[in-house]
Amino acid sequence: MKDDMEKVTIRLPKQYLRRLDFLVRVDDFPSRSEAIRTSVRDLLYARVDLVLEKQKRLLELDLKEAELEEVEKQYLKP
């Protein structure tokens, strides 16, 4: 095992394991571990992109709010 890997123990529903074992048996993955690593990697890539996109939208909203406040100060003086 590579030095940069850690062992984790997880519990999965039996139906997930049956499907995982099927993928291993048909040579889609060499092992359960590889299938799980691939799944986790794909999930992380997708989630990181999603979270970054959300952060970007929040920043855009903050900038628009700042612009609105500036317009209010300029044109809607009390």
N, C-alpha and C. Protein backbone atom coordinates (compact mmCIF):
# COMPACT_ATOMS: atom_id res chain seq x y z
N MET A 1 0.85 -1.18 0.00
CA MET A 1 0.00 0.00 0.00
C MET A 1 0.89 1.25 0.00
N LYS A 2 0.46 2.26 -0.69
CA LYS A 2 1.24 3.49 -0.78
C LYS A 2 1.29 4.19 0.58
N ASP A 3 2.39 4.94 0.79
CA ASP A 3 2.55 5.66 2.05
C ASP A 3 1.55 6.79 2.22
N ASP A 4 1.03 7.34 1.12
CA ASP A 4 0.13 8.47 1.22
C ASP A 4 -1.33 8.05 1.40
N MET A 5 -1.56 6.79 1.63
CA MET A 5 -2.93 6.30 1.81
C MET A 5 -3.16 5.92 3.27
N GLU A 6 -4.41 6.10 3.69
CA GLU A 6 -4.82 5.69 5.03
C GLU A 6 -5.96 4.71 4.90
N LYS A 7 -6.03 3.83 5.84
CA LYS A 7 -7.11 2.85 5.88
C LYS A 7 -8.30 3.45 6.63
N VAL A 8 -9.48 3.33 6.05
CA VAL A 8 -10.72 3.75 6.71
C VAL A 8 -11.70 2.59 6.67
N THR A 9 -12.54 2.54 7.66
CA THR A 9 -13.57 1.51 7.72
C THR A 9 -14.91 2.19 7.50
N ILE A 10 -15.69 1.66 6.59
CA ILE A 10 -17.02 2.21 6.34
C ILE A 10 -18.05 1.09 6.36
N ARG A 11 -19.27 1.47 6.60
CA ARG A 11 -20.38 0.53 6.53
C ARG A 11 -21.23 0.93 5.34
N LEU A 12 -21.54 -0.05 4.51
CA LEU A 12 -22.35 0.18 3.32
C LEU A 12 -23.53 -0.78 3.32
N PRO A 13 -24.65 -0.35 2.75
CA PRO A 13 -25.78 -1.27 2.61
C PRO A 13 -25.38 -2.47 1.75
N LYS A 14 -25.95 -3.61 2.06
CA LYS A 14 -25.62 -4.84 1.32
C LYS A 14 -25.85 -4.69 -0.17
N GLN A 15 -26.91 -3.97 -0.55
CA GLN A 15 -27.18 -3.80 -1.99
C GLN A 15 -26.05 -3.04 -2.68
N TYR A 16 -25.43 -2.07 -1.98
CA TYR A 16 -24.30 -1.36 -2.56
C TYR A 16 -23.14 -2.31 -2.78
N LEU A 17 -22.88 -3.16 -1.79
CA LEU A 17 -21.78 -4.11 -1.91
C LEU A 17 -22.02 -5.12 -3.01
N ARG A 18 -23.25 -5.57 -3.17
CA ARG A 18 -23.56 -6.50 -4.26
C ARG A 18 -23.26 -5.85 -5.61
N ARG A 19 -23.67 -4.63 -5.77
CA ARG A 19 -23.43 -3.91 -7.03
C ARG A 19 -21.93 -3.63 -7.23
N LEU A 20 -21.27 -3.28 -6.15
CA LEU A 20 -19.83 -3.04 -6.20
C LEU A 20 -19.09 -4.32 -6.61
N ASP A 21 -19.47 -5.42 -5.99
CA ASP A 21 -18.84 -6.71 -6.32
C ASP A 21 -19.13 -7.10 -7.77
N PHE A 22 -20.30 -6.77 -8.26
CA PHE A 22 -20.62 -7.05 -9.67
C PHE A 22 -19.65 -6.31 -10.58
N LEU A 23 -19.41 -5.03 -10.29
CA LEU A 23 -18.49 -4.23 -11.11
C LEU A 23 -17.07 -4.80 -11.07
N VAL A 24 -16.68 -5.32 -9.92
CA VAL A 24 -15.36 -5.95 -9.81
C VAL A 24 -15.34 -7.25 -10.62
N ARG A 25 -16.39 -8.05 -10.51
CA ARG A 25 -16.43 -9.33 -11.24
C ARG A 25 -16.40 -9.15 -12.74
N VAL A 26 -17.01 -8.09 -13.25
CA VAL A 26 -17.00 -7.88 -14.71
C VAL A 26 -15.79 -7.06 -15.15
N ASP A 27 -14.83 -6.92 -14.26
CA ASP A 27 -13.56 -6.23 -14.55
C ASP A 27 -13.70 -4.75 -14.84
N ASP A 28 -14.74 -4.12 -14.29
CA ASP A 28 -14.83 -2.67 -14.41
C ASP A 28 -13.85 -2.01 -13.45
N PHE A 29 -13.60 -2.68 -12.33
CA PHE A 29 -12.62 -2.25 -11.34
C PHE A 29 -11.83 -3.47 -10.90
N PRO A 30 -10.56 -3.27 -10.54
CA PRO A 30 -9.77 -4.42 -10.10
C PRO A 30 -10.10 -4.89 -8.68
N SER A 31 -10.71 -4.00 -7.87
CA SER A 31 -11.02 -4.35 -6.49
C SER A 31 -12.10 -3.42 -5.94
N ARG A 32 -12.67 -3.83 -4.81
CA ARG A 32 -13.62 -2.95 -4.12
C ARG A 32 -12.93 -1.63 -3.75
N SER A 33 -11.72 -1.74 -3.24
CA SER A 33 -11.01 -0.54 -2.81
C SER A 33 -10.84 0.46 -3.95
N GLU A 34 -10.47 -0.04 -5.11
CA GLU A 34 -10.29 0.86 -6.25
C GLU A 34 -11.61 1.49 -6.68
N ALA A 35 -12.68 0.71 -6.64
CA ALA A 35 -14.00 1.25 -6.99
C ALA A 35 -14.41 2.34 -6.00
N ILE A 36 -14.17 2.11 -4.74
CA ILE A 36 -14.53 3.10 -3.72
C ILE A 36 -13.65 4.34 -3.85
N ARG A 37 -12.34 4.16 -4.08
CA ARG A 37 -11.45 5.32 -4.28
C ARG A 37 -11.91 6.16 -5.47
N THR A 38 -12.26 5.49 -6.56
CA THR A 38 -12.72 6.21 -7.75
C THR A 38 -14.01 6.96 -7.46
N SER A 39 -14.91 6.33 -6.75
CA SER A 39 -16.18 6.98 -6.40
C SER A 39 -15.97 8.20 -5.52
N VAL A 40 -15.12 8.06 -4.53
CA VAL A 40 -14.84 9.19 -3.63
C VAL A 40 -14.17 10.32 -4.40
N ARG A 41 -13.21 9.99 -5.25
CA ARG A 41 -12.53 11.01 -6.05
C ARG A 41 -13.53 11.77 -6.92
N ASP A 42 -14.40 11.03 -7.62
CA ASP A 42 -15.39 11.67 -8.49
C ASP A 42 -16.34 12.55 -7.69
N LEU A 43 -16.75 12.08 -6.53
CA LEU A 43 -17.63 12.88 -5.67
C LEU A 43 -16.93 14.16 -5.23
N LEU A 44 -15.68 14.04 -4.82
CA LEU A 44 -14.94 15.22 -4.37
C LEU A 44 -14.78 16.25 -5.48
N TYR A 45 -14.44 15.79 -6.68
CA TYR A 45 -14.32 16.73 -7.80
C TYR A 45 -15.64 17.46 -8.04
N ALA A 46 -16.73 16.72 -8.05
CA ALA A 46 -18.04 17.32 -8.32
C ALA A 46 -18.44 18.28 -7.21
N ARG A 47 -18.23 17.89 -5.97
CA ARG A 47 -18.64 18.74 -4.85
C ARG A 47 -17.77 19.99 -4.74
N VAL A 48 -16.48 19.85 -4.98
CA VAL A 48 -15.61 21.01 -4.91
C VAL A 48 -16.05 22.02 -5.96
N ASP A 49 -16.34 21.57 -7.17
CA ASP A 49 -16.80 22.47 -8.22
C ASP A 49 -18.11 23.15 -7.81
N LEU A 50 -19.02 22.39 -7.23
CA LEU A 50 -20.30 22.93 -6.80
C LEU A 50 -20.11 23.98 -5.71
N VAL A 51 -19.30 23.68 -4.72
CA VAL A 51 -19.06 24.62 -3.62
C VAL A 51 -18.37 25.88 -4.12
N LEU A 52 -17.39 25.71 -5.00
CA LEU A 52 -16.71 26.90 -5.54
C LEU A 52 -17.67 27.77 -6.35
N GLU A 53 -18.55 27.14 -7.10
CA GLU A 53 -19.53 27.90 -7.87
C GLU A 53 -20.48 28.66 -6.95
N LYS A 54 -20.90 28.03 -5.86
CA LYS A 54 -21.76 28.71 -4.89
C LYS A 54 -21.04 29.91 -4.27
N GLN A 55 -19.76 29.72 -3.91
CA GLN A 55 -18.98 30.80 -3.33
C GLN A 55 -18.85 31.97 -4.32
N LYS A 56 -18.64 31.62 -5.58
CA LYS A 56 -18.52 32.65 -6.61
C LYS A 56 -19.82 33.44 -6.73
N ARG A 57 -20.96 32.74 -6.70
CA ARG A 57 -22.25 33.43 -6.78
C ARG A 57 -22.48 34.33 -5.58
N LEU A 58 -22.08 33.87 -4.39
CA LEU A 58 -22.24 34.69 -3.19
C LEU A 58 -21.38 35.95 -3.28
N LEU A 59 -20.18 35.80 -3.78
CA LEU A 59 -19.32 36.97 -3.95
C LEU A 59 -19.93 37.96 -4.94
N GLU A 60 -20.48 37.45 -6.03
CA GLU A 60 -21.13 38.32 -7.02
C GLU A 60 -22.31 39.06 -6.38
N LEU A 61 -23.08 38.36 -5.56
CA LEU A 61 -24.20 39.01 -4.89
C LEU A 61 -23.72 40.09 -3.93
N ASP A 62 -22.64 39.82 -3.21
CA ASP A 62 -22.07 40.82 -2.30
C ASP A 62 -21.63 42.06 -3.08
N LEU A 63 -21.01 41.85 -4.23
CA LEU A 63 -20.57 42.98 -5.05
C LEU A 63 -21.76 43.79 -5.57
N LYS A 64 -22.82 43.09 -5.98
CA LYS A 64 -24.02 43.79 -6.47
C LYS A 64 -24.68 44.57 -5.34
N GLU A 65 -24.69 44.00 -4.15
CA GLU A 65 -25.26 44.70 -3.01
C GLU A 65 -24.47 45.97 -2.70
N ALA A 66 -23.15 45.87 -2.80
CA ALA A 66 -22.31 47.04 -2.57
C ALA A 66 -22.60 48.11 -3.63
N GLU A 67 -22.80 47.69 -4.87
CA GLU A 67 -23.14 48.64 -5.93
C GLU A 67 -24.48 49.31 -5.64
N LEU A 68 -25.46 48.54 -5.20
CA LEU A 68 -26.76 49.11 -4.86
C LEU A 68 -26.65 50.13 -3.74
N GLU A 69 -25.86 49.82 -2.75
CA GLU A 69 -25.67 50.76 -1.64
C GLU A 69 -25.03 52.06 -2.14
N GLU A 70 -24.10 51.93 -3.06
CA GLU A 70 -23.44 53.12 -3.62
C GLU A 70 -24.44 53.97 -4.41
N VAL A 71 -25.29 53.31 -5.19
CA VAL A 71 -26.33 54.03 -5.95
C VAL A 71 -27.29 54.72 -5.00
N GLU A 72 -27.66 54.04 -3.94
CA GLU A 72 -28.56 54.65 -2.95
C GLU A 72 -27.92 55.90 -2.34
N LYS A 73 -26.65 55.80 -2.01
CA LYS A 73 -25.96 56.96 -1.42
C LYS A 73 -25.92 58.13 -2.40
N GLN A 74 -25.70 57.82 -3.68
CA GLN A 74 -25.57 58.89 -4.67
C GLN A 74 -26.91 59.54 -5.01
N TYR A 75 -27.93 58.73 -5.22
CA TYR A 75 -29.16 59.23 -5.81
C TYR A 75 -30.34 59.30 -4.85
N LEU A 76 -30.26 58.64 -3.74
CA LEU A 76 -31.37 58.64 -2.80
C LEU A 76 -30.96 59.24 -1.47
N LYS A 77 -30.38 60.41 -1.55
CA LYS A 77 -29.94 61.09 -0.33
C LYS A 77 -31.15 61.46 0.51
N PRO A 78 -31.05 61.23 1.82
CA PRO A 78 -32.19 61.58 2.70
C PRO A 78 -32.40 63.07 2.85
